[in-house]
Amino acid sequence: MKISKNIGIPEEEIQLSYVRASGPGGQNVNKVATAVQLRFDAANSPSLPDEVRARLLKLAGHRATDDGVIVIEAKTARSQIRNRELALSRFRDLLRQAERKPRRRIATAPSAGVIERQIEQKRLQSRKKRERRWSPQGE
């Protein structure tokens, strides 16, 4: 499976299993295994560069097991073929997202105008609260 010009995953590394799904399908749901479980052993895959592997496992979150196996389930469609396409599409999207290096954030300081406005807002809020206070001299 071609992900990008740098990454390609051999079909042998992806395991697809089919199980019965809950949800739409009526009686069909009780007879046909339409839900798809895609499994990919990211931790031991020779096809992934180390930095992409680390980002992939982080992005996968709850879909990654403790052993580094990514499990993607698709069961929304009524047909097995459509669920298979959905699972592969989600997997492809996850890999493409993991391939992108996150941009480094450049720390910036607030401008003088912003600081001035914040101070003015604090001053107004303080005055409002002060005027609400009860004092025996005020009445």
C-alpha atoms as a PDB file:
ATOM      1  CA  MET A   1       0.000   0.000   0.000  1.00  0.00           C
ATOM      2  CA  LYS A   2       1.538   3.257  -1.128  1.00  0.00           C
ATOM      3  CA  ILE A   3       1.149   6.008   1.479  1.00  0.00           C
ATOM      4  CA  SER A   4       3.475   8.654   0.083  1.00  0.00           C
ATOM      5  CA  LYS A   5       6.643   8.868  -1.983  1.00  0.00           C
ATOM      6  CA  ASN A   6       8.683   7.953   1.129  1.00  0.00           C
ATOM      7  CA  ILE A   7       6.457   5.369   2.795  1.00  0.00           C
ATOM      8  CA  GLY A   8       4.942   2.169   1.470  1.00  0.00           C
ATOM      9  CA  ILE A   9       3.464  -0.598   3.608  1.00  0.00           C
ATOM     10  CA  PRO A  10       3.519  -4.169   2.219  1.00  0.00           C
ATOM     11  CA  GLU A  11       0.100  -5.877   2.256  1.00  0.00           C
ATOM     12  CA  GLU A  12       1.596  -8.710   4.371  1.00  0.00           C
ATOM     13  CA  GLU A  13       2.092  -6.320   7.310  1.00  0.00           C
ATOM     14  CA  ILE A  14      -1.615  -5.445   7.449  1.00  0.00           C
ATOM     15  CA  GLN A  15      -3.993  -8.025   8.907  1.00  0.00           C
ATOM     16  CA  LEU A  16      -7.692  -7.718   8.182  1.00  0.00           C
ATOM     17  CA  SER A  17     -10.246  -9.763  10.109  1.00  0.00           C
ATOM     18  CA  TYR A  18     -13.993  -9.747   9.730  1.00  0.00           C
ATOM     19  CA  VAL A  19     -16.457 -10.008  12.609  1.00  0.00           C
ATOM     20  CA  ARG A  20     -20.178  -9.571  13.117  1.00  0.00           C
ATOM     21  CA  ALA A  21     -21.141  -5.983  13.710  1.00  0.00           C
ATOM     22  CA  SER A  22     -23.850  -4.293  15.691  1.00  0.00           C
ATOM     23  CA  GLY A  23     -25.788  -1.453  14.165  1.00  0.00           C
ATOM     24  CA  PRO A  24     -27.597  -1.077  10.820  1.00  0.00           C
ATOM     25  CA  GLY A  25     -28.289  -4.088   8.647  1.00  0.00           C
ATOM     26  CA  GLY A  26     -31.365  -5.781  10.098  1.00  0.00           C
ATOM     27  CA  GLN A  27     -31.216  -9.570   9.944  1.00  0.00           C
ATOM     28  CA  ASN A  28     -28.154  -9.287   7.725  1.00  0.00           C
ATOM     29  CA  VAL A  29     -26.175  -8.282  10.833  1.00  0.00           C
ATOM     30  CA  ASN A  30     -26.864 -11.683  12.429  1.00  0.00           C
ATOM     31  CA  LYS A  31     -25.676 -13.655   9.410  1.00  0.00           C
ATOM     32  CA  VAL A  32     -22.754 -11.825   7.831  1.00  0.00           C
ATOM     33  CA  ALA A  33     -19.437 -10.691   9.321  1.00  0.00           C
ATOM     34  CA  THR A  34     -19.411  -7.133   7.968  1.00  0.00           C
ATOM     35  CA  ALA A  35     -17.308  -5.317  10.570  1.00  0.00           C
ATOM     36  CA  VAL A  36     -13.599  -5.023   9.786  1.00  0.00           C
ATOM     37  CA  GLN A  37     -10.681  -4.994  12.199  1.00  0.00           C
ATOM     38  CA  LEU A  38      -7.407  -3.792  10.712  1.00  0.00           C
ATOM     39  CA  ARG A  39      -4.251  -4.654  12.671  1.00  0.00           C
ATOM     40  CA  PHE A  40      -0.810  -3.220  11.985  1.00  0.00           C
ATOM     41  CA  ASP A  41       2.246  -3.987  14.133  1.00  0.00           C
ATOM     42  CA  ALA A  42       3.785  -0.518  14.094  1.00  0.00           C
ATOM     43  CA  ALA A  43       6.371  -1.287  16.775  1.00  0.00           C
ATOM     44  CA  ASN A  44       7.983  -4.073  14.712  1.00  0.00           C
ATOM     45  CA  SER A  45       7.362  -2.828  11.178  1.00  0.00           C
ATOM     46  CA  PRO A  46      10.531  -2.512   9.068  1.00  0.00           C
ATOM     47  CA  SER A  47       8.642  -0.250   6.630  1.00  0.00           C
ATOM     48  CA  LEU A  48       8.472   2.739   8.976  1.00  0.00           C
ATOM     49  CA  PRO A  49      11.260   5.185   9.862  1.00  0.00           C
ATOM     50  CA  ASP A  50      11.748   5.511  13.634  1.00  0.00           C
ATOM     51  CA  GLU A  51      10.481   9.090  13.866  1.00  0.00           C
ATOM     52  CA  VAL A  52       7.310   8.264  11.895  1.00  0.00           C
ATOM     53  CA  ARG A  53       6.747   5.172  14.075  1.00  0.00           C
ATOM     54  CA  ALA A  54       6.956   7.265  17.244  1.00  0.00           C
ATOM     55  CA  ARG A  55       4.531   9.893  15.907  1.00  0.00           C
ATOM     56  CA  LEU A  56       2.166   7.164  14.633  1.00  0.00           C
ATOM     57  CA  LEU A  57       1.957   5.423  18.000  1.00  0.00           C
ATOM     58  CA  LYS A  58       1.376   8.758  19.721  1.00  0.00           C
ATOM     59  CA  LEU A  59      -1.347   9.783  17.250  1.00  0.00           C
ATOM     60  CA  ALA A  60      -3.034   6.366  17.433  1.00  0.00           C
ATOM     61  CA  GLY A  61      -3.760   6.898  21.136  1.00  0.00           C
ATOM     62  CA  HIS A  62      -6.302   4.341  22.397  1.00  0.00           C
ATOM     63  CA  ARG A  63      -6.172   2.485  19.065  1.00  0.00           C
ATOM     64  CA  ALA A  64      -2.615   1.324  19.857  1.00  0.00           C
ATOM     65  CA  THR A  65      -2.085  -1.630  22.183  1.00  0.00           C
ATOM     66  CA  ASP A  66       0.710  -1.822  24.750  1.00  0.00           C
ATOM     67  CA  ASP A  67       2.639  -3.999  22.284  1.00  0.00           C
ATOM     68  CA  GLY A  68       2.554  -1.284  19.603  1.00  0.00           C
ATOM     69  CA  VAL A  69      -0.132  -2.894  17.439  1.00  0.00           C
ATOM     70  CA  ILE A  70      -2.568  -0.417  15.915  1.00  0.00           C
ATOM     71  CA  VAL A  71      -6.173  -1.658  15.696  1.00  0.00           C
ATOM     72  CA  ILE A  72      -8.652   0.210  13.519  1.00  0.00           C
ATOM     73  CA  GLU A  73     -12.287  -0.897  13.438  1.00  0.00           C
ATOM     74  CA  ALA A  74     -14.868  -0.052  10.796  1.00  0.00           C
ATOM     75  CA  LYS A  75     -18.455  -1.187  11.255  1.00  0.00           C
ATOM     76  CA  THR A  76     -20.662   1.689  10.127  1.00  0.00           C
ATOM     77  CA  ALA A  77     -21.399   0.428   6.611  1.00  0.00           C
ATOM     78  CA  ARG A  78     -23.691  -2.488   5.825  1.00  0.00           C
ATOM     79  CA  SER A  79     -21.237  -4.188   3.486  1.00  0.00           C
ATOM     80  CA  GLN A  80     -17.928  -5.839   4.264  1.00  0.00           C
ATOM     81  CA  ILE A  81     -16.287  -4.258   1.218  1.00  0.00           C
ATOM     82  CA  ARG A  82     -17.256  -0.719   2.244  1.00  0.00           C
ATOM     83  CA  ASN A  83     -16.076  -1.286   5.827  1.00  0.00           C
ATOM     84  CA  ARG A  84     -12.767  -2.617   4.483  1.00  0.00           C
ATOM     85  CA  GLU A  85     -12.347   0.545   2.390  1.00  0.00           C
ATOM     86  CA  LEU A  86     -13.182   2.712   5.416  1.00  0.00           C
ATOM     87  CA  ALA A  87     -10.637   0.938   7.638  1.00  0.00           C
ATOM     88  CA  LEU A  88      -7.876   1.185   5.013  1.00  0.00           C
ATOM     89  CA  SER A  89      -8.716   4.837   4.397  1.00  0.00           C
ATOM     90  CA  ARG A  90      -8.500   5.659   8.124  1.00  0.00           C
ATOM     91  CA  PHE A  91      -5.196   3.797   8.354  1.00  0.00           C
ATOM     92  CA  ARG A  92      -3.813   5.682   5.339  1.00  0.00           C
ATOM     93  CA  ASP A  93      -4.920   9.035   6.825  1.00  0.00           C
ATOM     94  CA  LEU A  94      -3.302   8.190  10.171  1.00  0.00           C
ATOM     95  CA  LEU A  95      -0.015   7.300   8.463  1.00  0.00           C
ATOM     96  CA  ARG A  96      -0.034  10.479   6.361  1.00  0.00           C
ATOM     97  CA  GLN A  97      -0.631  12.545   9.483  1.00  0.00           C
ATOM     98  CA  ALA A  98       2.217  10.757  11.301  1.00  0.00           C
ATOM     99  CA  GLU A  99       4.548  11.343   8.375  1.00  0.00           C
ATOM    100  CA  ARG A 100       4.230  15.132   8.647  1.00  0.00           C
ATOM    101  CA  LYS A 101       6.728  16.676  11.014  1.00  0.00           C
ATOM    102  CA  PRO A 102       5.053  19.049  13.454  1.00  0.00           C
ATOM    103  CA  ARG A 103       6.132  22.654  13.047  1.00  0.00           C
ATOM    104  CA  ARG A 104       8.084  24.077  15.934  1.00  0.00           C
ATOM    105  CA  ARG A 105       6.320  26.833  17.819  1.00  0.00           C
ATOM    106  CA  ILE A 106       8.203  30.088  17.919  1.00  0.00           C
ATOM    107  CA  ALA A 107       7.707  31.818  21.246  1.00  0.00           C
ATOM    108  CA  THR A 108       6.616  35.438  20.898  1.00  0.00           C
ATOM    109  CA  ALA A 109       6.140  38.205  23.411  1.00  0.00           C
ATOM    110  CA  PRO A 110       2.883  40.150  23.596  1.00  0.00           C
ATOM    111  CA  SER A 111       3.021  43.568  21.964  1.00  0.00           C
ATOM    112  CA  ALA A 112       3.065  46.774  23.984  1.00  0.00           C
ATOM    113  CA  GLY A 113      -0.485  47.586  22.871  1.00  0.00           C
ATOM    114  CA  VAL A 114      -1.805  44.237  24.103  1.00  0.00           C
ATOM    115  CA  ILE A 115      -0.135  44.682  27.492  1.00  0.00           C
ATOM    116  CA  GLU A 116      -1.530  48.197  27.756  1.00  0.00           C
ATOM    117  CA  ARG A 117      -5.083  47.000  26.959  1.00  0.00           C
ATOM    118  CA  GLN A 118      -4.808  44.196  29.537  1.00  0.00           C
ATOM    119  CA  ILE A 119      -3.716  46.637  32.221  1.00  0.00           C
ATOM    120  CA  GLU A 120      -6.552  49.013  31.316  1.00  0.00           C
ATOM    121  CA  GLN A 121      -9.074  46.160  31.528  1.00  0.00           C
ATOM    122  CA  LYS A 122      -7.706  45.175  34.942  1.00  0.00           C
ATOM    123  CA  ARG A 123      -7.988  48.763  36.109  1.00  0.00           C
ATOM    124  CA  LEU A 124     -11.626  49.015  34.965  1.00  0.00           C
ATOM    125  CA  GLN A 125     -12.539  45.666  36.547  1.00  0.00           C
ATOM    126  CA  SER A 126     -10.867  46.675  39.817  1.00  0.00           C
ATOM    127  CA  ARG A 127     -12.748  49.987  39.870  1.00  0.00           C
ATOM    128  CA  LYS A 128     -16.073  48.238  39.175  1.00  0.00           C
ATOM    129  CA  LYS A 129     -15.515  45.794  42.055  1.00  0.00           C
ATOM    130  CA  ARG A 130     -14.342  48.567  44.381  1.00  0.00           C
ATOM    131  CA  GLU A 131     -17.499  50.604  43.698  1.00  0.00           C
ATOM    132  CA  ARG A 132     -19.705  47.609  44.511  1.00  0.00           C
ATOM    133  CA  ARG A 133     -18.241  47.225  48.004  1.00  0.00           C
ATOM    134  CA  TRP A 134     -20.261  48.359  50.958  1.00  0.00           C
ATOM    135  CA  SER A 135     -18.714  50.877  53.278  1.00  0.00           C
ATOM    136  CA  PRO A 136     -20.287  52.678  56.253  1.00  0.00           C
ATOM    137  CA  GLN A 137     -18.989  56.091  55.011  1.00  0.00           C
ATOM    138  CA  GLY A 138     -20.620  55.619  51.583  1.00  0.00           C
ATOM    139  CA  GLU A 139     -24.173  55.939  52.902  1.00  0.00           C
END
